[in-house]
Amino acid sequence: MKRICSIYRSPRKSEMYLYVLRADALKRVPENLLSAFGPPIHAFDMVLTPERALAREDIHKVLDNLDQQGFHLQMPPPEDDYIEHLPEELLRRNDPV
């Protein structure tokens, strides 16, 4: 099952991508998703096959989503919140025991 896919990036959220079948373009993407995503910026096209590995997504999930709903939304990786708490943790370490 080979799919020619167009990948768009969101102008609103770093590292958020929308995969669609190139032949369908954005026709099958719900309006409310496009509204939240922002005006899609075409990043590139690629051929997807079950044997192809993707860096951050499960290829089988992507292909299933493309077939079933006409798109796949790749969310940004979770931000590491440990940096926000780092000063507090350092203070605790320096407290007398």
N, C-alpha and C. Protein backbone atom coordinates (compact mmCIF):
# COMPACT_ATOMS: atom_id res chain seq x y z
N MET A 1 0.85 -1.17 0.00
CA MET A 1 0.00 0.00 0.00
C MET A 1 0.89 1.23 0.00
N LYS A 2 1.11 1.80 -1.16
CA LYS A 2 1.94 2.99 -1.33
C LYS A 2 1.04 4.21 -1.39
N ARG A 3 1.40 5.26 -0.67
CA ARG A 3 0.62 6.51 -0.66
C ARG A 3 1.56 7.68 -0.94
N ILE A 4 1.13 8.55 -1.84
CA ILE A 4 1.88 9.79 -2.06
C ILE A 4 1.22 10.83 -1.18
N CYS A 5 2.02 11.38 -0.31
CA CYS A 5 1.51 12.22 0.77
C CYS A 5 2.12 13.62 0.70
N SER A 6 1.32 14.61 1.02
CA SER A 6 1.82 15.98 1.19
C SER A 6 1.82 16.28 2.68
N ILE A 7 2.89 16.91 3.12
CA ILE A 7 3.02 17.25 4.54
C ILE A 7 3.04 18.77 4.65
N TYR A 8 2.18 19.26 5.55
CA TYR A 8 2.08 20.69 5.80
C TYR A 8 2.48 20.97 7.24
N ARG A 9 3.11 22.12 7.46
CA ARG A 9 3.45 22.51 8.83
C ARG A 9 2.52 23.62 9.27
N SER A 10 2.33 23.68 10.58
CA SER A 10 1.46 24.70 11.15
C SER A 10 2.25 25.98 11.39
N PRO A 11 1.69 27.13 11.02
CA PRO A 11 2.35 28.39 11.35
C PRO A 11 2.13 28.79 12.81
N ARG A 12 1.22 28.09 13.49
CA ARG A 12 0.87 28.46 14.86
C ARG A 12 1.61 27.66 15.92
N LYS A 13 1.98 26.43 15.60
CA LYS A 13 2.59 25.55 16.60
C LYS A 13 3.81 24.88 15.99
N SER A 14 4.95 25.13 16.58
CA SER A 14 6.19 24.53 16.10
C SER A 14 6.10 23.01 16.17
N GLU A 15 6.58 22.35 15.14
CA GLU A 15 6.65 20.90 15.04
C GLU A 15 5.29 20.20 14.97
N MET A 16 4.26 20.92 14.56
CA MET A 16 2.96 20.31 14.30
C MET A 16 2.82 20.17 12.79
N TYR A 17 2.50 18.95 12.34
CA TYR A 17 2.42 18.67 10.91
C TYR A 17 1.11 17.97 10.57
N LEU A 18 0.64 18.22 9.36
CA LEU A 18 -0.57 17.62 8.85
C LEU A 18 -0.21 16.82 7.60
N TYR A 19 -0.48 15.51 7.64
CA TYR A 19 -0.23 14.63 6.50
C TYR A 19 -1.55 14.45 5.77
N VAL A 20 -1.54 14.60 4.45
CA VAL A 20 -2.73 14.35 3.64
C VAL A 20 -2.30 13.60 2.37
N LEU A 21 -3.25 12.91 1.75
CA LEU A 21 -2.97 12.30 0.46
C LEU A 21 -2.84 13.43 -0.56
N ARG A 22 -1.78 13.40 -1.34
CA ARG A 22 -1.53 14.49 -2.28
C ARG A 22 -2.70 14.68 -3.24
N ALA A 23 -3.32 13.58 -3.69
CA ALA A 23 -4.44 13.66 -4.63
C ALA A 23 -5.65 14.37 -4.03
N ASP A 24 -5.84 14.21 -2.71
CA ASP A 24 -6.98 14.84 -2.03
C ASP A 24 -6.67 16.26 -1.56
N ALA A 25 -5.39 16.56 -1.45
CA ALA A 25 -4.95 17.83 -0.87
C ALA A 25 -5.61 18.01 0.51
N LEU A 26 -6.21 19.15 0.76
CA LEU A 26 -6.80 19.43 2.07
C LEU A 26 -8.31 19.22 2.09
N LYS A 27 -8.87 18.62 1.05
CA LYS A 27 -10.33 18.46 0.92
C LYS A 27 -10.96 17.68 2.06
N ARG A 28 -10.26 16.70 2.61
CA ARG A 28 -10.86 15.83 3.63
C ARG A 28 -10.54 16.28 5.06
N VAL A 29 -9.82 17.36 5.22
CA VAL A 29 -9.47 17.87 6.55
C VAL A 29 -10.62 18.73 7.06
N PRO A 30 -11.14 18.42 8.25
CA PRO A 30 -12.25 19.22 8.80
C PRO A 30 -11.89 20.69 8.96
N GLU A 31 -12.87 21.55 8.72
CA GLU A 31 -12.65 23.00 8.81
C GLU A 31 -12.17 23.43 10.20
N ASN A 32 -12.74 22.82 11.26
CA ASN A 32 -12.33 23.24 12.61
C ASN A 32 -10.87 22.88 12.88
N LEU A 33 -10.38 21.78 12.31
CA LEU A 33 -8.96 21.44 12.46
C LEU A 33 -8.10 22.44 11.71
N LEU A 34 -8.48 22.77 10.49
CA LEU A 34 -7.72 23.75 9.71
C LEU A 34 -7.70 25.11 10.40
N SER A 35 -8.79 25.45 11.01
CA SER A 35 -8.87 26.73 11.72
C SER A 35 -7.89 26.76 12.90
N ALA A 36 -7.85 25.68 13.65
CA ALA A 36 -6.92 25.60 14.80
C ALA A 36 -5.48 25.46 14.34
N PHE A 37 -5.25 24.75 13.24
CA PHE A 37 -3.92 24.49 12.70
C PHE A 37 -3.29 25.76 12.15
N GLY A 38 -4.13 26.62 11.58
CA GLY A 38 -3.64 27.82 10.92
C GLY A 38 -3.48 27.55 9.44
N PRO A 39 -3.18 28.58 8.66
CA PRO A 39 -3.02 28.38 7.22
C PRO A 39 -1.87 27.40 6.95
N PRO A 40 -2.16 26.21 6.41
CA PRO A 40 -1.12 25.20 6.21
C PRO A 40 -0.01 25.68 5.27
N ILE A 41 1.21 25.41 5.65
CA ILE A 41 2.38 25.75 4.83
C ILE A 41 2.95 24.44 4.31
N HIS A 42 2.94 24.29 2.98
CA HIS A 42 3.44 23.04 2.38
C HIS A 42 4.92 22.88 2.70
N ALA A 43 5.27 21.76 3.32
CA ALA A 43 6.66 21.48 3.66
C ALA A 43 7.32 20.62 2.59
N PHE A 44 6.69 19.48 2.25
CA PHE A 44 7.24 18.59 1.23
C PHE A 44 6.24 17.48 0.93
N ASP A 45 6.53 16.72 -0.12
CA ASP A 45 5.77 15.53 -0.49
C ASP A 45 6.68 14.32 -0.28
N MET A 46 6.07 13.18 0.03
CA MET A 46 6.86 11.96 0.17
C MET A 46 5.99 10.75 -0.11
N VAL A 47 6.64 9.66 -0.46
CA VAL A 47 5.94 8.40 -0.68
C VAL A 47 5.99 7.62 0.63
N LEU A 48 4.83 7.20 1.10
CA LEU A 48 4.74 6.41 2.33
C LEU A 48 4.39 4.97 1.98
N THR A 49 5.11 4.05 2.59
CA THR A 49 4.82 2.62 2.46
C THR A 49 4.91 2.02 3.86
N PRO A 50 4.30 0.85 4.08
CA PRO A 50 4.38 0.23 5.41
C PRO A 50 5.82 -0.06 5.86
N GLU A 51 6.72 -0.20 4.91
CA GLU A 51 8.12 -0.51 5.25
C GLU A 51 8.93 0.74 5.62
N ARG A 52 8.42 1.90 5.31
CA ARG A 52 9.16 3.13 5.56
C ARG A 52 9.05 3.54 7.03
N ALA A 53 10.17 3.86 7.64
CA ALA A 53 10.17 4.33 9.02
C ALA A 53 10.05 5.85 9.04
N LEU A 54 9.29 6.35 9.98
CA LEU A 54 9.18 7.79 10.19
C LEU A 54 9.86 8.12 11.52
N ALA A 55 10.40 9.31 11.62
CA ALA A 55 11.16 9.68 12.81
C ALA A 55 10.32 9.69 14.08
N ARG A 56 9.13 10.28 14.04
CA ARG A 56 8.35 10.44 15.27
C ARG A 56 6.96 9.83 15.22
N GLU A 57 6.60 9.19 14.13
CA GLU A 57 5.26 8.65 14.00
C GLU A 57 5.32 7.18 13.61
N ASP A 58 4.30 6.44 14.00
CA ASP A 58 4.15 5.05 13.60
C ASP A 58 3.58 5.04 12.18
N ILE A 59 4.32 4.49 11.24
CA ILE A 59 3.91 4.51 9.83
C ILE A 59 2.55 3.85 9.62
N HIS A 60 2.27 2.79 10.37
CA HIS A 60 0.99 2.10 10.20
C HIS A 60 -0.18 2.97 10.67
N LYS A 61 0.03 3.71 11.75
CA LYS A 61 -1.00 4.63 12.24
C LYS A 61 -1.24 5.75 11.23
N VAL A 62 -0.16 6.28 10.67
CA VAL A 62 -0.29 7.34 9.67
C VAL A 62 -1.07 6.84 8.46
N LEU A 63 -0.69 5.68 7.93
CA LEU A 63 -1.37 5.13 6.76
C LEU A 63 -2.84 4.82 7.06
N ASP A 64 -3.11 4.28 8.24
CA ASP A 64 -4.51 4.00 8.62
C ASP A 64 -5.32 5.29 8.69
N ASN A 65 -4.75 6.32 9.32
CA ASN A 65 -5.46 7.60 9.42
C ASN A 65 -5.71 8.22 8.04
N LEU A 66 -4.72 8.11 7.15
CA LEU A 66 -4.91 8.65 5.80
C LEU A 66 -6.05 7.92 5.09
N ASP A 67 -6.10 6.61 5.24
CA ASP A 67 -7.16 5.83 4.58
C ASP A 67 -8.52 6.08 5.21
N GLN A 68 -8.59 6.11 6.53
CA GLN A 68 -9.87 6.19 7.22
C GLN A 68 -10.45 7.60 7.29
N GLN A 69 -9.59 8.58 7.58
CA GLN A 69 -10.14 9.94 7.77
C GLN A 69 -9.59 10.96 6.77
N GLY A 70 -8.59 10.57 5.99
CA GLY A 70 -8.08 11.46 4.96
C GLY A 70 -6.96 12.37 5.41
N PHE A 71 -6.52 12.24 6.65
CA PHE A 71 -5.43 13.07 7.15
C PHE A 71 -4.82 12.42 8.39
N HIS A 72 -3.62 12.86 8.74
CA HIS A 72 -2.99 12.47 9.99
C HIS A 72 -2.36 13.72 10.58
N LEU A 73 -2.64 13.99 11.83
CA LEU A 73 -2.10 15.15 12.52
C LEU A 73 -0.96 14.70 13.42
N GLN A 74 0.23 15.23 13.17
CA GLN A 74 1.39 14.95 14.01
C GLN A 74 1.55 16.08 15.01
N MET A 75 1.39 15.74 16.27
CA MET A 75 1.50 16.74 17.33
C MET A 75 2.97 16.97 17.68
N PRO A 76 3.29 18.14 18.22
CA PRO A 76 4.66 18.39 18.65
C PRO A 76 5.03 17.46 19.81
N PRO A 77 6.31 17.17 19.97
CA PRO A 77 6.70 16.35 21.11
C PRO A 77 6.41 17.10 22.41
N PRO A 78 6.16 16.38 23.50
CA PRO A 78 5.90 17.07 24.77
C PRO A 78 7.13 17.85 25.20
N GLU A 79 6.86 19.02 25.72
CA GLU A 79 7.97 19.85 26.20
C GLU A 79 8.42 19.32 27.55
N ASP A 80 9.72 19.36 27.76
CA ASP A 80 10.26 18.92 29.05
C ASP A 80 10.01 20.01 30.08
N ASP A 81 9.19 19.70 31.07
CA ASP A 81 8.86 20.72 32.05
C ASP A 81 9.83 20.71 33.22
N TYR A 82 10.82 19.81 33.20
CA TYR A 82 11.76 19.76 34.32
C TYR A 82 12.60 21.02 34.40
N ILE A 83 12.79 21.71 33.28
CA ILE A 83 13.61 22.92 33.29
C ILE A 83 12.91 24.01 34.10
N GLU A 84 11.57 24.07 34.03
CA GLU A 84 10.83 25.07 34.79
C GLU A 84 11.02 24.88 36.29
N HIS A 85 11.22 23.64 36.72
CA HIS A 85 11.33 23.34 38.14
C HIS A 85 12.77 23.24 38.61
N LEU A 86 13.71 23.43 37.71
CA LEU A 86 15.11 23.26 38.05
C LEU A 86 15.56 24.17 39.19
N PRO A 87 15.29 25.47 39.19
CA PRO A 87 15.75 26.31 40.30
C PRO A 87 15.20 25.83 41.65
N GLU A 88 13.94 25.42 41.68
CA GLU A 88 13.33 24.92 42.91
C GLU A 88 14.04 23.67 43.38
N GLU A 89 14.38 22.77 42.47
CA GLU A 89 15.08 21.54 42.84
C GLU A 89 16.48 21.85 43.35
N LEU A 90 17.14 22.82 42.74
CA LEU A 90 18.48 23.20 43.20
C LEU A 90 18.42 23.78 44.61
N LEU A 91 17.40 24.58 44.87
CA LEU A 91 17.25 25.15 46.21
C LEU A 91 17.05 24.05 47.25
N ARG A 92 16.26 23.07 46.92
CA ARG A 92 16.02 21.96 47.86
C ARG A 92 17.30 21.20 48.15
N ARG A 93 18.13 21.04 47.15
CA ARG A 93 19.38 20.30 47.34
C ARG A 93 20.34 21.06 48.26
N ASN A 94 20.23 22.39 48.26
CA ASN A 94 21.13 23.19 49.07
C ASN A 94 20.60 23.43 50.49
N ASP A 95 19.35 22.97 50.75
CA ASP A 95 18.79 23.11 52.09
C ASP A 95 19.57 22.22 53.06
N PRO A 96 19.75 22.68 54.30
CA PRO A 96 20.42 21.83 55.28
C PRO A 96 19.56 20.58 55.56
N VAL A 97 20.22 19.49 55.80
CA VAL A 97 19.53 18.22 56.03
C VAL A 97 19.06 18.10 57.44
